[in-house]
């Protein structure tokens, strides 16, 4: 186990993953650190845990529960558990760190 997760290791893990889109780098308790590199479309479904995306590269539009906003490198996007969300019209270089945390159903507000 390591406590340092590099961009190179994250990109390699995604390339080696079953779907070539997402890889888990750390799973500890309710915490999961992943890296997401969708290509073309984003077909994900709502998740049981709260989630934070930290955009590493690329730009586009982020849809959360029917509301759309632009995103760019360096942005952090919070998604409450169970809310429909997806990335749209994103550039070919789009990639984001992903952090899932907390109990199923999300943290109390």
C-alpha atoms as a PDB file:
ATOM      1  CA  UNK A   1       0.000   0.000   0.000  1.00  0.00           C
ATOM      2  CA  UNK A   2       1.154   3.504  -0.741  1.00  0.00           C
ATOM      3  CA  UNK A   3       0.039   6.903   0.430  1.00  0.00           C
ATOM      4  CA  UNK A   4       1.156   8.659  -2.752  1.00  0.00           C
ATOM      5  CA  UNK A   5      -0.994   8.419  -5.863  1.00  0.00           C
ATOM      6  CA  UNK A   6       0.633   9.899  -8.928  1.00  0.00           C
ATOM      7  CA  UNK A   7      -0.939  11.007 -12.170  1.00  0.00           C
ATOM      8  CA  UNK A   8       1.185   8.493 -14.073  1.00  0.00           C
ATOM      9  CA  UNK A   9       0.036   5.628 -11.820  1.00  0.00           C
ATOM     10  CA  UNK A  10      -3.597   6.759 -12.162  1.00  0.00           C
ATOM     11  CA  UNK A  11      -3.474   6.903 -15.962  1.00  0.00           C
ATOM     12  CA  UNK A  12      -1.762   3.500 -16.130  1.00  0.00           C
ATOM     13  CA  UNK A  13      -4.366   1.995 -13.785  1.00  0.00           C
ATOM     14  CA  UNK A  14      -7.190   3.276 -16.025  1.00  0.00           C
ATOM     15  CA  UNK A  15      -5.517   1.906 -19.147  1.00  0.00           C
ATOM     16  CA  UNK A  16      -5.147  -1.475 -17.413  1.00  0.00           C
ATOM     17  CA  UNK A  17      -8.705  -1.493 -16.008  1.00  0.00           C
ATOM     18  CA  UNK A  18     -11.460  -3.718 -17.361  1.00  0.00           C
ATOM     19  CA  UNK A  19     -13.393  -0.831 -18.925  1.00  0.00           C
ATOM     20  CA  UNK A  20     -10.479   1.503 -19.727  1.00  0.00           C
ATOM     21  CA  UNK A  21     -12.433   4.398 -18.193  1.00  0.00           C
ATOM     22  CA  UNK A  22     -12.110   4.222 -14.401  1.00  0.00           C
ATOM     23  CA  UNK A  23      -9.687   2.730 -11.913  1.00  0.00           C
ATOM     24  CA  UNK A  24      -9.707   2.516  -8.124  1.00  0.00           C
ATOM     25  CA  UNK A  25      -6.388   3.566  -6.611  1.00  0.00           C
ATOM     26  CA  UNK A  26      -7.317   3.387  -2.921  1.00  0.00           C
ATOM     27  CA  UNK A  27     -10.163   1.763  -1.014  1.00  0.00           C
ATOM     28  CA  UNK A  28     -10.177   2.257   2.746  1.00  0.00           C
ATOM     29  CA  UNK A  29     -13.317   2.103   4.854  1.00  0.00           C
ATOM     30  CA  UNK A  30     -15.932   4.220   3.104  1.00  0.00           C
ATOM     31  CA  UNK A  31     -13.282   6.125   1.131  1.00  0.00           C
ATOM     32  CA  UNK A  32     -12.497   5.332  -2.488  1.00  0.00           C
ATOM     33  CA  UNK A  33     -10.004   7.292  -4.578  1.00  0.00           C
ATOM     34  CA  UNK A  34     -10.305   6.752  -8.294  1.00  0.00           C
ATOM     35  CA  UNK A  35      -9.374   8.240 -11.605  1.00  0.00           C
ATOM     36  CA  UNK A  36     -11.884   8.710 -14.459  1.00  0.00           C
ATOM     37  CA  UNK A  37     -11.074   9.163 -18.147  1.00  0.00           C
ATOM     38  CA  UNK A  38     -14.281   8.739 -20.194  1.00  0.00           C
ATOM     39  CA  UNK A  39     -14.046   8.873 -23.964  1.00  0.00           C
ATOM     40  CA  UNK A  40     -16.860  10.162 -26.162  1.00  0.00           C
ATOM     41  CA  UNK A  41     -19.779   9.777 -23.763  1.00  0.00           C
ATOM     42  CA  UNK A  42     -20.364   9.486 -20.034  1.00  0.00           C
ATOM     43  CA  UNK A  43     -22.922   6.784 -19.302  1.00  0.00           C
ATOM     44  CA  UNK A  44     -22.575   6.589 -15.531  1.00  0.00           C
ATOM     45  CA  UNK A  45     -25.514   6.082 -13.199  1.00  0.00           C
ATOM     46  CA  UNK A  46     -26.139   7.692  -9.772  1.00  0.00           C
ATOM     47  CA  UNK A  47     -23.919   6.403  -6.968  1.00  0.00           C
ATOM     48  CA  UNK A  48     -24.820   5.334  -3.433  1.00  0.00           C
ATOM     49  CA  UNK A  49     -22.161   7.535  -1.806  1.00  0.00           C
ATOM     50  CA  UNK A  50     -21.363  11.239  -1.896  1.00  0.00           C
ATOM     51  CA  UNK A  51     -18.740  12.020  -4.509  1.00  0.00           C
ATOM     52  CA  UNK A  52     -16.250  14.745  -5.418  1.00  0.00           C
ATOM     53  CA  UNK A  53     -14.647  15.118  -8.850  1.00  0.00           C
ATOM     54  CA  UNK A  54     -11.461  17.149  -9.174  1.00  0.00           C
ATOM     55  CA  UNK A  55     -10.953  17.965 -12.831  1.00  0.00           C
ATOM     56  CA  UNK A  56      -7.349  17.386 -13.830  1.00  0.00           C
ATOM     57  CA  UNK A  57      -7.635  18.087 -17.566  1.00  0.00           C
ATOM     58  CA  UNK A  58     -10.195  19.042 -20.159  1.00  0.00           C
ATOM     59  CA  UNK A  59     -13.345  21.096 -20.239  1.00  0.00           C
ATOM     60  CA  UNK A  60     -17.012  20.661 -21.039  1.00  0.00           C
ATOM     61  CA  UNK A  61     -20.404  20.727 -19.342  1.00  0.00           C
ATOM     62  CA  UNK A  62     -21.401  18.979 -16.119  1.00  0.00           C
ATOM     63  CA  UNK A  63     -25.033  18.025 -15.553  1.00  0.00           C
ATOM     64  CA  UNK A  64     -26.186  17.471 -11.973  1.00  0.00           C
ATOM     65  CA  UNK A  65     -29.816  16.653 -11.285  1.00  0.00           C
ATOM     66  CA  UNK A  66     -30.909  18.477 -14.453  1.00  0.00           C
ATOM     67  CA  UNK A  67     -28.781  21.608 -13.969  1.00  0.00           C
ATOM     68  CA  UNK A  68     -25.847  22.224 -16.326  1.00  0.00           C
ATOM     69  CA  UNK A  69     -22.660  24.173 -15.676  1.00  0.00           C
ATOM     70  CA  UNK A  70     -19.266  24.466 -17.387  1.00  0.00           C
ATOM     71  CA  UNK A  71     -16.164  22.805 -15.944  1.00  0.00           C
ATOM     72  CA  UNK A  72     -12.433  23.280 -16.492  1.00  0.00           C
ATOM     73  CA  UNK A  73      -9.129  22.038 -15.026  1.00  0.00           C
ATOM     74  CA  UNK A  74      -8.842  22.640 -11.298  1.00  0.00           C
ATOM     75  CA  UNK A  75     -12.605  22.647 -10.660  1.00  0.00           C
ATOM     76  CA  UNK A  76     -14.017  20.492  -7.864  1.00  0.00           C
ATOM     77  CA  UNK A  77     -17.561  19.204  -8.391  1.00  0.00           C
ATOM     78  CA  UNK A  78     -19.642  17.770  -5.536  1.00  0.00           C
ATOM     79  CA  UNK A  79     -22.348  15.174  -6.224  1.00  0.00           C
ATOM     80  CA  UNK A  80     -24.718  14.126  -3.417  1.00  0.00           C
ATOM     81  CA  UNK A  81     -25.431  10.412  -3.189  1.00  0.00           C
ATOM     82  CA  UNK A  82     -28.183   9.213  -5.515  1.00  0.00           C
ATOM     83  CA  UNK A  83     -28.279  12.311  -7.747  1.00  0.00           C
ATOM     84  CA  UNK A  84     -28.192  11.779 -11.520  1.00  0.00           C
ATOM     85  CA  UNK A  85     -25.107  13.363 -13.074  1.00  0.00           C
ATOM     86  CA  UNK A  86     -22.884  13.157 -16.143  1.00  0.00           C
ATOM     87  CA  UNK A  87     -20.275  14.990 -18.160  1.00  0.00           C
ATOM     88  CA  UNK A  88     -21.317  16.266 -21.596  1.00  0.00           C
ATOM     89  CA  UNK A  89     -19.569  17.819 -24.588  1.00  0.00           C
ATOM     90  CA  UNK A  90     -16.209  17.238 -22.920  1.00  0.00           C
ATOM     91  CA  UNK A  91     -12.843  17.535 -24.623  1.00  0.00           C
ATOM     92  CA  UNK A  92     -10.855  14.462 -25.641  1.00  0.00           C
ATOM     93  CA  UNK A  93      -8.313  15.057 -22.885  1.00  0.00           C
ATOM     94  CA  UNK A  94     -10.883  15.116 -20.044  1.00  0.00           C
ATOM     95  CA  UNK A  95      -9.744  13.333 -16.870  1.00  0.00           C
ATOM     96  CA  UNK A  96     -10.700  13.697 -13.208  1.00  0.00           C
ATOM     97  CA  UNK A  97      -9.750  12.396  -9.788  1.00  0.00           C
ATOM     98  CA  UNK A  98     -12.811  10.911  -8.077  1.00  0.00           C
ATOM     99  CA  UNK A  99     -13.403  10.625  -4.329  1.00  0.00           C
ATOM    100  CA  UNK A 100     -16.303   8.572  -2.973  1.00  0.00           C
ATOM    101  CA  UNK A 101     -16.902   8.735   0.762  1.00  0.00           C
ATOM    102  CA  UNK A 102     -19.410   8.268   3.551  1.00  0.00           C
ATOM    103  CA  UNK A 103     -22.304   5.906   4.107  1.00  0.00           C
ATOM    104  CA  UNK A 104     -24.715   4.669   1.467  1.00  0.00           C
ATOM    105  CA  UNK A 105     -27.337   7.358   0.979  1.00  0.00           C
ATOM    106  CA  UNK A 106     -24.795  10.124   1.666  1.00  0.00           C
ATOM    107  CA  UNK A 107     -23.730  12.223   4.618  1.00  0.00           C
ATOM    108  CA  UNK A 108     -26.235  14.260   6.612  1.00  0.00           C
ATOM    109  CA  UNK A 109     -26.437  17.830   5.340  1.00  0.00           C
END
